[in-house]
Amino acid sequence: MTELERLTARLDDLEIRHAFQEDLIRQLDEVTQALHDRVDTLTREVEALRAQVAQPSGQVNRLEDERPPHY
């Protein structure tokens, strides 16, 4: 194998690796974006739940006042 053939083969290998890495980076970016969106959604839900808990409901449910489910 001549020097030129060896360098050409090496360049081909590097180009193939580069293509796979670009695809992997694209896939990881999609996953990262999806996770970011999910975290944003969950953050909003937690904030809404905290707001609900912080509001006085005017009605206090006590376990002693509730009828057992078998009645």
N, C-alpha and C. Protein backbone atom coordinates (compact mmCIF):
# COMPACT_ATOMS: atom_id res chain seq x y z
N MET A 1 0.85 -1.17 0.00
CA MET A 1 0.00 0.00 0.00
C MET A 1 0.90 1.23 0.00
N THR A 2 0.63 2.10 -0.92
CA THR A 2 1.45 3.31 -1.03
C THR A 2 1.04 4.31 0.04
N GLU A 3 1.89 5.29 0.20
CA GLU A 3 1.62 6.35 1.18
C GLU A 3 0.33 7.07 0.86
N LEU A 4 0.08 7.35 -0.41
CA LEU A 4 -1.14 8.03 -0.83
C LEU A 4 -2.38 7.18 -0.51
N GLU A 5 -2.32 5.89 -0.75
CA GLU A 5 -3.45 5.01 -0.46
C GLU A 5 -3.71 4.94 1.05
N ARG A 6 -2.63 4.90 1.82
CA ARG A 6 -2.77 4.86 3.27
C ARG A 6 -3.41 6.14 3.78
N LEU A 7 -2.98 7.28 3.27
CA LEU A 7 -3.56 8.56 3.69
C LEU A 7 -5.01 8.69 3.24
N THR A 8 -5.31 8.19 2.05
CA THR A 8 -6.68 8.24 1.56
C THR A 8 -7.59 7.37 2.44
N ALA A 9 -7.12 6.20 2.81
CA ALA A 9 -7.90 5.31 3.68
C ALA A 9 -8.10 5.95 5.05
N ARG A 10 -7.07 6.59 5.54
CA ARG A 10 -7.17 7.26 6.84
C ARG A 10 -8.17 8.41 6.78
N LEU A 11 -8.11 9.18 5.70
CA LEU A 11 -9.05 10.28 5.52
C LEU A 11 -10.48 9.77 5.42
N ASP A 12 -10.68 8.68 4.70
CA ASP A 12 -12.02 8.08 4.60
C ASP A 12 -12.53 7.66 5.97
N ASP A 13 -11.65 7.04 6.76
CA ASP A 13 -12.03 6.63 8.10
C ASP A 13 -12.41 7.83 8.95
N LEU A 14 -11.65 8.90 8.87
CA LEU A 14 -11.96 10.10 9.65
C LEU A 14 -13.28 10.73 9.20
N GLU A 15 -13.55 10.72 7.93
CA GLU A 15 -14.81 11.27 7.42
C GLU A 15 -16.00 10.44 7.90
N ILE A 16 -15.84 9.12 7.94
CA ILE A 16 -16.90 8.25 8.43
C ILE A 16 -17.15 8.51 9.91
N ARG A 17 -16.08 8.60 10.68
CA ARG A 17 -16.21 8.90 12.11
C ARG A 17 -16.91 10.23 12.33
N HIS A 18 -16.52 11.21 11.55
CA HIS A 18 -17.11 12.55 11.67
C HIS A 18 -18.61 12.49 11.39
N ALA A 19 -19.02 11.76 10.39
CA ALA A 19 -20.44 11.65 10.05
C ALA A 19 -21.22 10.99 11.19
N PHE A 20 -20.66 9.92 11.78
CA PHE A 20 -21.32 9.27 12.90
C PHE A 20 -21.40 10.19 14.12
N GLN A 21 -20.35 10.94 14.36
CA GLN A 21 -20.34 11.86 15.50
C GLN A 21 -21.36 12.98 15.29
N GLU A 22 -21.47 13.49 14.09
CA GLU A 22 -22.47 14.52 13.82
C GLU A 22 -23.87 13.99 14.07
N ASP A 23 -24.14 12.75 13.64
CA ASP A 23 -25.45 12.15 13.86
C ASP A 23 -25.71 11.96 15.35
N LEU A 24 -24.71 11.49 16.08
CA LEU A 24 -24.86 11.29 17.52
C LEU A 24 -25.13 12.62 18.22
N ILE A 25 -24.41 13.65 17.85
CA ILE A 25 -24.62 14.98 18.45
C ILE A 25 -26.03 15.47 18.17
N ARG A 26 -26.53 15.24 16.98
CA ARG A 26 -27.90 15.65 16.63
C ARG A 26 -28.91 14.90 17.50
N GLN A 27 -28.70 13.58 17.66
CA GLN A 27 -29.61 12.79 18.49
C GLN A 27 -29.57 13.24 19.95
N LEU A 28 -28.37 13.49 20.46
CA LEU A 28 -28.23 13.96 21.84
C LEU A 28 -28.88 15.32 22.03
N ASP A 29 -28.78 16.17 21.03
CA ASP A 29 -29.41 17.48 21.11
C ASP A 29 -30.93 17.35 21.18
N GLU A 30 -31.50 16.43 20.42
CA GLU A 30 -32.94 16.19 20.45
C GLU A 30 -33.38 15.69 21.82
N VAL A 31 -32.62 14.76 22.39
CA VAL A 31 -32.94 14.24 23.71
C VAL A 31 -32.83 15.34 24.75
N THR A 32 -31.77 16.13 24.66
CA THR A 32 -31.57 17.22 25.61
C THR A 32 -32.72 18.22 25.53
N GLN A 33 -33.15 18.56 24.33
CA GLN A 33 -34.26 19.50 24.17
C GLN A 33 -35.55 18.93 24.74
N ALA A 34 -35.81 17.65 24.50
CA ALA A 34 -37.02 17.02 25.03
C ALA A 34 -36.99 17.01 26.56
N LEU A 35 -35.83 16.71 27.14
CA LEU A 35 -35.72 16.72 28.59
C LEU A 35 -35.89 18.13 29.15
N HIS A 36 -35.35 19.11 28.46
CA HIS A 36 -35.49 20.50 28.89
C HIS A 36 -36.97 20.89 28.89
N ASP A 37 -37.69 20.52 27.84
CA ASP A 37 -39.11 20.82 27.77
C ASP A 37 -39.87 20.13 28.90
N ARG A 38 -39.51 18.90 29.19
CA ARG A 38 -40.18 18.15 30.26
C ARG A 38 -39.90 18.79 31.62
N VAL A 39 -38.68 19.21 31.85
CA VAL A 39 -38.34 19.88 33.11
C VAL A 39 -39.13 21.17 33.25
N ASP A 40 -39.26 21.93 32.17
CA ASP A 40 -40.06 23.16 32.21
C ASP A 40 -41.50 22.86 32.57
N THR A 41 -42.07 21.82 31.97
CA THR A 41 -43.45 21.44 32.26
C THR A 41 -43.61 21.04 33.72
N LEU A 42 -42.70 20.21 34.20
CA LEU A 42 -42.77 19.76 35.59
C LEU A 42 -42.58 20.93 36.56
N THR A 43 -41.73 21.87 36.22
CA THR A 43 -41.51 23.04 37.06
C THR A 43 -42.79 23.85 37.18
N ARG A 44 -43.48 24.05 36.05
CA ARG A 44 -44.75 24.78 36.09
C ARG A 44 -45.79 24.03 36.92
N GLU A 45 -45.83 22.71 36.78
CA GLU A 45 -46.78 21.92 37.55
C GLU A 45 -46.50 22.01 39.05
N VAL A 46 -45.24 21.95 39.43
CA VAL A 46 -44.88 22.06 40.85
C VAL A 46 -45.25 23.44 41.37
N GLU A 47 -45.00 24.48 40.60
CA GLU A 47 -45.36 25.83 41.03
C GLU A 47 -46.87 25.95 41.21
N ALA A 48 -47.65 25.36 40.31
CA ALA A 48 -49.11 25.39 40.44
C ALA A 48 -49.56 24.63 41.68
N LEU A 49 -48.96 23.49 41.94
CA LEU A 49 -49.31 22.72 43.13
C LEU A 49 -48.95 23.47 44.41
N ARG A 50 -47.82 24.13 44.40
CA ARG A 50 -47.42 24.92 45.58
C ARG A 50 -48.41 26.05 45.82
N ALA A 51 -48.86 26.67 44.74
CA ALA A 51 -49.83 27.75 44.87
C ALA A 51 -51.15 27.22 45.43
N GLN A 52 -51.55 26.03 45.00
CA GLN A 52 -52.79 25.44 45.51
C GLN A 52 -52.67 25.12 47.00
N VAL A 53 -51.53 24.59 47.39
CA VAL A 53 -51.33 24.24 48.79
C VAL A 53 -51.26 25.49 49.65
N ALA A 54 -50.71 26.55 49.13
CA ALA A 54 -50.55 27.79 49.90
C ALA A 54 -51.88 28.51 50.10
N GLN A 55 -52.85 28.28 49.23
CA GLN A 55 -54.14 28.96 49.34
C GLN A 55 -54.99 28.28 50.41
N PRO A 56 -55.56 29.08 51.30
CA PRO A 56 -56.47 28.47 52.27
C PRO A 56 -57.76 28.06 51.55
N SER A 57 -58.15 26.84 51.75
CA SER A 57 -59.32 26.34 51.04
C SER A 57 -60.62 26.63 51.78
N GLY A 58 -60.54 27.02 53.04
CA GLY A 58 -61.73 27.30 53.80
C GLY A 58 -62.40 26.03 54.32
N GLN A 59 -61.96 24.91 53.86
CA GLN A 59 -62.54 23.64 54.28
C GLN A 59 -61.40 22.73 54.72
N VAL A 60 -61.42 22.39 55.98
CA VAL A 60 -60.38 21.53 56.52
C VAL A 60 -60.94 20.13 56.63
N ASN A 61 -60.35 19.22 55.94
CA ASN A 61 -60.78 17.83 56.01
C ASN A 61 -60.00 17.12 57.11
N ARG A 62 -60.74 16.64 58.06
CA ARG A 62 -60.11 15.88 59.13
C ARG A 62 -60.51 14.43 58.97
N LEU A 63 -59.58 13.56 59.21
CA LEU A 63 -59.87 12.14 59.06
C LEU A 63 -60.95 11.66 60.03
N GLU A 64 -61.01 12.30 61.20
CA GLU A 64 -62.02 11.88 62.18
C GLU A 64 -63.43 12.19 61.69
N ASP A 65 -63.58 13.18 60.83
CA ASP A 65 -64.90 13.58 60.33
C ASP A 65 -65.35 12.76 59.14
N GLU A 66 -64.48 12.04 58.52
CA GLU A 66 -64.83 11.28 57.33
C GLU A 66 -65.35 9.90 57.71
N ARG A 67 -66.30 9.43 56.94
CA ARG A 67 -66.82 8.09 57.16
C ARG A 67 -65.88 7.08 56.50
N PRO A 68 -65.69 5.96 57.13
CA PRO A 68 -64.87 4.93 56.51
C PRO A 68 -65.52 4.44 55.21
N PRO A 69 -64.74 3.94 54.28
CA PRO A 69 -65.28 3.56 52.98
C PRO A 69 -66.24 2.38 53.03
N HIS A 70 -66.25 1.59 54.10
CA HIS A 70 -67.13 0.43 54.15
C HIS A 70 -68.54 0.78 54.61
N TYR A 71 -68.82 2.04 54.96
CA TYR A 71 -70.18 2.45 55.35
C TYR A 71 -70.99 2.79 54.13
